[in-house]
Amino acid sequence: MASTPKDEETLELMWAAHWKELKSMSDSDIMEGVDLPKFGTDRIQLMASIKAEAGRRRLAAAKAELGDSQSAQVRVQSSVPIAEARAFLREAANDPRVTMAARALDEMSDELVLRTYARVKALLAPDADAGDS
């Protein structure tokens, strides 16, 4: 349903009249019949729920971003054969510079092995560079 210029002009006149009336009213007239303590508590609860929702959305966005970066990291490292990654992690488990959770490496999924491989490789990279000099 398209509005005509006449309809828009009528709406503008109506809003202007309402605005003029609101500006001329006193605060007590505007707030007449409003339970102020309940109004305040409702607003506090509303703000708390808005903050909680904003927090949930930020967390979801952060998780999505982290998931994207981790999957990109796994894709970059996927050129490494899974057998080589598992062998590297077996050796890294005995390396005193690395502490790994006690896991059965053979029971880990290939994706988890590649992700762990990428992380351990990144942790050991500065040490490997320092040993070359």
N, C-alpha and C. Protein backbone atom coordinates (compact mmCIF):
# COMPACT_ATOMS: atom_id res chain seq x y z
N MET A 1 0.85 -1.16 0.00
CA MET A 1 0.00 0.00 0.00
C MET A 1 0.89 1.23 0.00
N ALA A 2 0.86 1.96 -1.08
CA ALA A 2 1.70 3.15 -1.23
C ALA A 2 1.01 4.36 -0.60
N SER A 3 1.83 5.17 0.04
CA SER A 3 1.27 6.38 0.64
C SER A 3 1.40 7.53 -0.35
N THR A 4 0.45 8.40 -0.29
CA THR A 4 0.46 9.56 -1.18
C THR A 4 1.06 10.75 -0.44
N PRO A 5 1.46 11.79 -1.17
CA PRO A 5 1.99 12.98 -0.50
C PRO A 5 0.97 13.61 0.46
N LYS A 6 -0.31 13.50 0.13
CA LYS A 6 -1.34 14.05 1.01
C LYS A 6 -1.37 13.28 2.33
N ASP A 7 -1.25 11.92 2.27
CA ASP A 7 -1.22 11.10 3.49
C ASP A 7 -0.02 11.47 4.35
N GLU A 8 1.12 11.63 3.73
CA GLU A 8 2.33 11.98 4.47
C GLU A 8 2.20 13.36 5.12
N GLU A 9 1.59 14.29 4.41
CA GLU A 9 1.39 15.63 4.97
C GLU A 9 0.45 15.58 6.17
N THR A 10 -0.60 14.75 6.09
CA THR A 10 -1.54 14.60 7.20
C THR A 10 -0.82 14.00 8.41
N LEU A 11 0.01 12.98 8.18
CA LEU A 11 0.75 12.37 9.29
C LEU A 11 1.72 13.37 9.93
N GLU A 12 2.39 14.15 9.11
CA GLU A 12 3.31 15.15 9.65
C GLU A 12 2.57 16.16 10.50
N LEU A 13 1.40 16.60 10.06
CA LEU A 13 0.59 17.55 10.85
C LEU A 13 0.15 16.92 12.17
N MET A 14 -0.23 15.63 12.12
CA MET A 14 -0.66 14.95 13.34
C MET A 14 0.51 14.83 14.34
N TRP A 15 1.68 14.42 13.85
CA TRP A 15 2.84 14.30 14.73
C TRP A 15 3.25 15.66 15.29
N ALA A 16 3.18 16.70 14.48
CA ALA A 16 3.53 18.04 14.95
C ALA A 16 2.58 18.47 16.06
N ALA A 17 1.29 18.15 15.91
CA ALA A 17 0.31 18.52 16.93
C ALA A 17 0.58 17.75 18.23
N HIS A 18 0.87 16.45 18.11
CA HIS A 18 1.18 15.64 19.31
C HIS A 18 2.45 16.16 19.99
N TRP A 19 3.45 16.47 19.22
CA TRP A 19 4.71 16.96 19.78
C TRP A 19 4.50 18.28 20.51
N LYS A 20 3.72 19.16 19.90
CA LYS A 20 3.43 20.46 20.52
C LYS A 20 2.69 20.27 21.84
N GLU A 21 1.74 19.33 21.85
CA GLU A 21 0.98 19.05 23.06
C GLU A 21 1.89 18.48 24.16
N LEU A 22 2.75 17.54 23.80
CA LEU A 22 3.68 16.96 24.78
C LEU A 22 4.62 18.01 25.36
N LYS A 23 5.12 18.90 24.52
CA LYS A 23 6.03 19.94 24.99
C LYS A 23 5.35 20.91 25.95
N SER A 24 4.05 21.11 25.76
CA SER A 24 3.35 22.07 26.62
C SER A 24 2.91 21.44 27.94
N MET A 25 2.92 20.10 28.04
CA MET A 25 2.48 19.43 29.27
C MET A 25 3.59 19.45 30.31
N SER A 26 3.19 19.44 31.58
CA SER A 26 4.18 19.35 32.66
C SER A 26 4.56 17.88 32.85
N ASP A 27 5.66 17.66 33.55
CA ASP A 27 6.12 16.29 33.81
C ASP A 27 5.07 15.50 34.57
N SER A 28 4.45 16.13 35.56
CA SER A 28 3.46 15.41 36.37
C SER A 28 2.26 15.01 35.52
N ASP A 29 1.87 15.85 34.56
CA ASP A 29 0.77 15.49 33.67
C ASP A 29 1.14 14.29 32.80
N ILE A 30 2.35 14.28 32.30
CA ILE A 30 2.79 13.18 31.44
C ILE A 30 2.87 11.89 32.24
N MET A 31 3.37 11.94 33.46
CA MET A 31 3.58 10.74 34.27
C MET A 31 2.36 10.38 35.11
N GLU A 32 1.24 11.05 34.91
CA GLU A 32 0.03 10.77 35.69
C GLU A 32 -0.40 9.32 35.50
N GLY A 33 -0.65 8.65 36.62
CA GLY A 33 -1.09 7.26 36.57
C GLY A 33 0.03 6.25 36.43
N VAL A 34 1.28 6.70 36.39
CA VAL A 34 2.41 5.78 36.26
C VAL A 34 2.97 5.48 37.64
N ASP A 35 3.14 4.21 37.94
CA ASP A 35 3.75 3.78 39.20
C ASP A 35 5.25 3.93 39.06
N LEU A 36 5.81 5.02 39.59
CA LEU A 36 7.21 5.35 39.38
C LEU A 36 8.18 4.29 39.90
N PRO A 37 8.00 3.74 41.11
CA PRO A 37 8.93 2.69 41.54
C PRO A 37 8.92 1.48 40.61
N LYS A 38 7.72 1.05 40.18
CA LYS A 38 7.63 -0.09 39.27
C LYS A 38 8.24 0.28 37.92
N PHE A 39 8.01 1.50 37.47
CA PHE A 39 8.57 1.98 36.21
C PHE A 39 10.10 1.90 36.26
N GLY A 40 10.68 2.36 37.38
CA GLY A 40 12.14 2.31 37.55
C GLY A 40 12.67 0.89 37.57
N THR A 41 11.97 0.02 38.32
CA THR A 41 12.43 -1.38 38.39
C THR A 41 12.32 -2.06 37.04
N ASP A 42 11.25 -1.78 36.31
CA ASP A 42 11.10 -2.37 34.98
C ASP A 42 12.24 -1.93 34.07
N ARG A 43 12.62 -0.68 34.16
CA ARG A 43 13.71 -0.17 33.31
C ARG A 43 15.03 -0.80 33.70
N ILE A 44 15.25 -0.99 34.99
CA ILE A 44 16.50 -1.64 35.43
C ILE A 44 16.55 -3.07 34.92
N GLN A 45 15.43 -3.78 35.01
CA GLN A 45 15.38 -5.15 34.51
C GLN A 45 15.56 -5.20 33.00
N LEU A 46 14.97 -4.23 32.32
CA LEU A 46 15.12 -4.16 30.87
C LEU A 46 16.59 -3.95 30.50
N MET A 47 17.26 -3.03 31.19
CA MET A 47 18.67 -2.76 30.90
C MET A 47 19.53 -4.00 31.19
N ALA A 48 19.22 -4.71 32.29
CA ALA A 48 19.97 -5.92 32.62
C ALA A 48 19.80 -6.97 31.53
N SER A 49 18.58 -7.13 31.04
CA SER A 49 18.36 -8.13 29.98
C SER A 49 19.03 -7.71 28.68
N ILE A 50 19.05 -6.41 28.40
CA ILE A 50 19.72 -5.92 27.20
C ILE A 50 21.23 -6.17 27.29
N LYS A 51 21.81 -5.90 28.47
CA LYS A 51 23.24 -6.14 28.65
C LYS A 51 23.56 -7.63 28.52
N ALA A 52 22.70 -8.49 29.09
CA ALA A 52 22.93 -9.93 29.00
C ALA A 52 22.85 -10.40 27.55
N GLU A 53 21.87 -9.90 26.82
CA GLU A 53 21.73 -10.28 25.40
C GLU A 53 22.93 -9.79 24.59
N ALA A 54 23.38 -8.58 24.88
CA ALA A 54 24.56 -8.05 24.18
C ALA A 54 25.78 -8.92 24.48
N GLY A 55 25.91 -9.35 25.72
CA GLY A 55 27.01 -10.24 26.09
C GLY A 55 26.94 -11.56 25.36
N ARG A 56 25.73 -12.13 25.26
CA ARG A 56 25.56 -13.40 24.53
C ARG A 56 25.93 -13.22 23.06
N ARG A 57 25.52 -12.11 22.49
CA ARG A 57 25.84 -11.88 21.07
C ARG A 57 27.34 -11.69 20.86
N ARG A 58 27.99 -10.96 21.78
CA ARG A 58 29.45 -10.78 21.66
C ARG A 58 30.15 -12.12 21.79
N LEU A 59 29.70 -12.95 22.73
CA LEU A 59 30.31 -14.27 22.92
C LEU A 59 30.10 -15.14 21.68
N ALA A 60 28.90 -15.12 21.13
CA ALA A 60 28.64 -15.91 19.92
C ALA A 60 29.51 -15.43 18.77
N ALA A 61 29.67 -14.11 18.64
CA ALA A 61 30.52 -13.57 17.57
C ALA A 61 31.97 -13.97 17.78
N ALA A 62 32.43 -13.91 19.03
CA ALA A 62 33.81 -14.29 19.34
C ALA A 62 34.03 -15.78 19.05
N LYS A 63 33.06 -16.61 19.44
CA LYS A 63 33.18 -18.04 19.17
C LYS A 63 33.22 -18.31 17.67
N ALA A 64 32.37 -17.61 16.93
CA ALA A 64 32.35 -17.80 15.47
C ALA A 64 33.68 -17.37 14.87
N GLU A 65 34.21 -16.24 15.34
CA GLU A 65 35.49 -15.76 14.82
C GLU A 65 36.62 -16.72 15.18
N LEU A 66 36.60 -17.22 16.40
CA LEU A 66 37.61 -18.18 16.83
C LEU A 66 37.50 -19.46 16.03
N GLY A 67 36.27 -19.92 15.82
CA GLY A 67 36.07 -21.14 15.02
C GLY A 67 36.57 -20.96 13.60
N ASP A 68 36.32 -19.78 13.02
CA ASP A 68 36.79 -19.51 11.67
C ASP A 68 38.31 -19.53 11.61
N SER A 69 38.95 -18.90 12.59
CA SER A 69 40.41 -18.84 12.57
C SER A 69 41.02 -20.22 12.81
N GLN A 70 40.38 -21.01 13.69
CA GLN A 70 40.90 -22.36 13.94
C GLN A 70 40.72 -23.25 12.73
N SER A 71 39.56 -23.15 12.08
CA SER A 71 39.37 -24.00 10.90
C SER A 71 40.29 -23.56 9.77
N ALA A 72 40.56 -22.26 9.67
CA ALA A 72 41.51 -21.78 8.66
C ALA A 72 42.90 -22.30 8.98
N GLN A 73 43.24 -22.32 10.26
CA GLN A 73 44.55 -22.81 10.67
C GLN A 73 44.66 -24.30 10.35
N VAL A 74 43.59 -25.06 10.57
CA VAL A 74 43.62 -26.49 10.26
C VAL A 74 43.74 -26.68 8.75
N ARG A 75 43.04 -25.85 7.96
CA ARG A 75 43.12 -25.97 6.50
C ARG A 75 44.54 -25.69 6.02
N VAL A 76 45.21 -24.72 6.66
CA VAL A 76 46.57 -24.40 6.26
C VAL A 76 47.49 -25.58 6.57
N GLN A 77 47.28 -26.20 7.72
CA GLN A 77 48.14 -27.30 8.13
C GLN A 77 47.71 -28.64 7.53
N SER A 78 46.59 -28.68 6.81
CA SER A 78 46.11 -29.96 6.29
C SER A 78 47.05 -30.53 5.23
N SER A 79 48.00 -29.73 4.76
CA SER A 79 48.97 -30.26 3.80
C SER A 79 49.91 -31.26 4.47
N VAL A 80 49.93 -31.27 5.78
CA VAL A 80 50.75 -32.22 6.54
C VAL A 80 49.97 -33.53 6.62
N PRO A 81 50.60 -34.64 6.26
CA PRO A 81 49.91 -35.93 6.38
C PRO A 81 49.56 -36.21 7.84
N ILE A 82 48.41 -36.83 8.05
CA ILE A 82 47.93 -37.09 9.41
C ILE A 82 48.91 -37.98 10.17
N ALA A 83 49.54 -38.91 9.48
CA ALA A 83 50.51 -39.81 10.15
C ALA A 83 51.71 -39.00 10.66
N GLU A 84 52.15 -38.04 9.85
CA GLU A 84 53.27 -37.19 10.26
C GLU A 84 52.88 -36.33 11.46
N ALA A 85 51.65 -35.81 11.46
CA ALA A 85 51.18 -34.98 12.58
C ALA A 85 51.11 -35.82 13.86
N ARG A 86 50.60 -37.04 13.75
CA ARG A 86 50.52 -37.91 14.94
C ARG A 86 51.92 -38.25 15.45
N ALA A 87 52.85 -38.51 14.55
CA ALA A 87 54.22 -38.82 14.96
C ALA A 87 54.86 -37.61 15.65
N PHE A 88 54.62 -36.43 15.10
CA PHE A 88 55.15 -35.21 15.71
C PHE A 88 54.60 -35.03 17.12
N LEU A 89 53.29 -35.28 17.31
CA LEU A 89 52.68 -35.11 18.63
C LEU A 89 53.19 -36.17 19.62
N ARG A 90 53.50 -37.40 19.14
CA ARG A 90 54.07 -38.41 20.04
C ARG A 90 55.43 -37.94 20.57
N GLU A 91 56.23 -37.37 19.66
CA GLU A 91 57.54 -36.86 20.08
C GLU A 91 57.39 -35.64 20.99
N ALA A 92 56.44 -34.77 20.68
CA ALA A 92 56.23 -33.55 21.46
C ALA A 92 55.75 -33.88 22.87
N ALA A 93 55.03 -34.99 23.02
CA ALA A 93 54.55 -35.40 24.35
C ALA A 93 55.72 -35.70 25.29
N ASN A 94 56.87 -36.09 24.72
CA ASN A 94 58.05 -36.39 25.53
C ASN A 94 58.99 -35.20 25.66
N ASP A 95 58.66 -34.11 24.98
CA ASP A 95 59.49 -32.90 25.01
C ASP A 95 59.21 -32.14 26.32
N PRO A 96 60.24 -31.81 27.11
CA PRO A 96 60.00 -31.12 28.38
C PRO A 96 59.47 -29.70 28.21
N ARG A 97 59.58 -29.12 27.03
CA ARG A 97 59.05 -27.77 26.79
C ARG A 97 57.55 -27.75 26.59
N VAL A 98 56.96 -28.92 26.37
CA VAL A 98 55.53 -29.01 26.07
C VAL A 98 54.85 -29.88 27.11
N THR A 99 53.73 -29.40 27.61
CA THR A 99 52.91 -30.21 28.51
C THR A 99 51.61 -30.49 27.78
N MET A 100 51.34 -31.76 27.58
CA MET A 100 50.11 -32.14 26.87
C MET A 100 49.25 -32.97 27.81
N ALA A 101 47.94 -32.81 27.66
CA ALA A 101 47.01 -33.60 28.46
C ALA A 101 47.17 -35.06 28.10
N ALA A 102 47.00 -35.91 29.09
CA ALA A 102 47.11 -37.34 28.84
C ALA A 102 45.93 -37.78 27.99
N ARG A 103 46.21 -38.10 26.74
CA ARG A 103 45.19 -38.54 25.80
C ARG A 103 45.73 -39.69 24.99
N ALA A 104 44.82 -40.49 24.56
CA ALA A 104 45.21 -41.55 23.64
C ALA A 104 45.23 -40.91 22.25
N LEU A 105 46.41 -40.71 21.73
CA LEU A 105 46.58 -40.02 20.46
C LEU A 105 45.83 -40.72 19.33
N ASP A 106 45.77 -42.04 19.40
CA ASP A 106 45.10 -42.80 18.35
C ASP A 106 43.58 -42.64 18.40
N GLU A 107 43.05 -42.20 19.55
CA GLU A 107 41.60 -42.02 19.68
C GLU A 107 41.15 -40.61 19.30
N MET A 108 42.10 -39.70 19.08
CA MET A 108 41.76 -38.33 18.70
C MET A 108 41.34 -38.29 17.23
N SER A 109 40.37 -37.42 16.93
CA SER A 109 39.95 -37.27 15.53
C SER A 109 41.07 -36.62 14.73
N ASP A 110 41.04 -36.82 13.43
CA ASP A 110 42.08 -36.25 12.57
C ASP A 110 42.08 -34.72 12.68
N GLU A 111 40.88 -34.12 12.74
CA GLU A 111 40.78 -32.66 12.86
C GLU A 111 41.44 -32.18 14.15
N LEU A 112 41.18 -32.87 15.26
CA LEU A 112 41.78 -32.49 16.54
C LEU A 112 43.30 -32.68 16.50
N VAL A 113 43.75 -33.74 15.87
CA VAL A 113 45.19 -33.98 15.74
C VAL A 113 45.84 -32.84 14.96
N LEU A 114 45.22 -32.46 13.83
CA LEU A 114 45.78 -31.37 13.03
C LEU A 114 45.76 -30.04 13.77
N ARG A 115 44.67 -29.78 14.52
CA ARG A 115 44.58 -28.53 15.29
C ARG A 115 45.64 -28.51 16.40
N THR A 116 45.79 -29.63 17.08
CA THR A 116 46.80 -29.73 18.15
C THR A 116 48.20 -29.61 17.56
N TYR A 117 48.41 -30.25 16.43
CA TYR A 117 49.70 -30.17 15.73
C TYR A 117 50.04 -28.71 15.42
N ALA A 118 49.06 -27.98 14.88
CA ALA A 118 49.29 -26.57 14.53
C ALA A 118 49.63 -25.75 15.77
N ARG A 119 48.94 -26.00 16.86
CA ARG A 119 49.20 -25.25 18.09
C ARG A 119 50.58 -25.54 18.66
N VAL A 120 50.92 -26.83 18.73
CA VAL A 120 52.22 -27.21 19.30
C VAL A 120 53.35 -26.72 18.40
N LYS A 121 53.14 -26.84 17.09
CA LYS A 121 54.15 -26.37 16.14
C LYS A 121 54.38 -24.86 16.31
N ALA A 122 53.27 -24.11 16.51
CA ALA A 122 53.38 -22.66 16.70
C ALA A 122 54.08 -22.34 18.02
N LEU A 123 53.84 -23.14 19.04
CA LEU A 123 54.49 -22.90 20.34
C LEU A 123 55.98 -23.19 20.27
N LEU A 124 56.34 -24.19 19.52
CA LEU A 124 57.75 -24.56 19.44
C LEU A 124 58.50 -23.76 18.37
N ALA A 125 57.81 -23.06 17.51
CA ALA A 125 58.46 -22.31 16.42
C ALA A 125 59.47 -21.29 16.93
N PRO A 126 59.18 -20.46 17.93
CA PRO A 126 60.20 -19.51 18.40
C PRO A 126 61.43 -20.22 18.95
N ASP A 127 61.22 -21.36 19.64
CA ASP A 127 62.34 -22.11 20.18
C ASP A 127 63.19 -22.69 19.06
N ALA A 128 62.53 -23.15 17.99
CA ALA A 128 63.26 -23.73 16.85
C ALA A 128 64.06 -22.65 16.15
N ASP A 129 63.50 -21.43 16.02
CA ASP A 129 64.21 -20.33 15.40
C ASP A 129 65.41 -19.90 16.24
N ALA A 130 65.25 -19.90 17.56
CA ALA A 130 66.33 -19.47 18.45
C ALA A 130 67.47 -20.48 18.43
N GLY A 131 67.14 -21.79 18.23
CA GLY A 131 68.18 -22.81 18.21
C GLY A 131 69.00 -22.81 16.92
N ASP A 132 68.47 -22.23 15.84
CA ASP A 132 69.15 -22.22 14.57
C ASP A 132 70.30 -21.22 14.55
N SER A 133 70.27 -20.16 15.37
CA SER A 133 71.30 -19.12 15.30
C SER A 133 72.56 -19.48 15.98
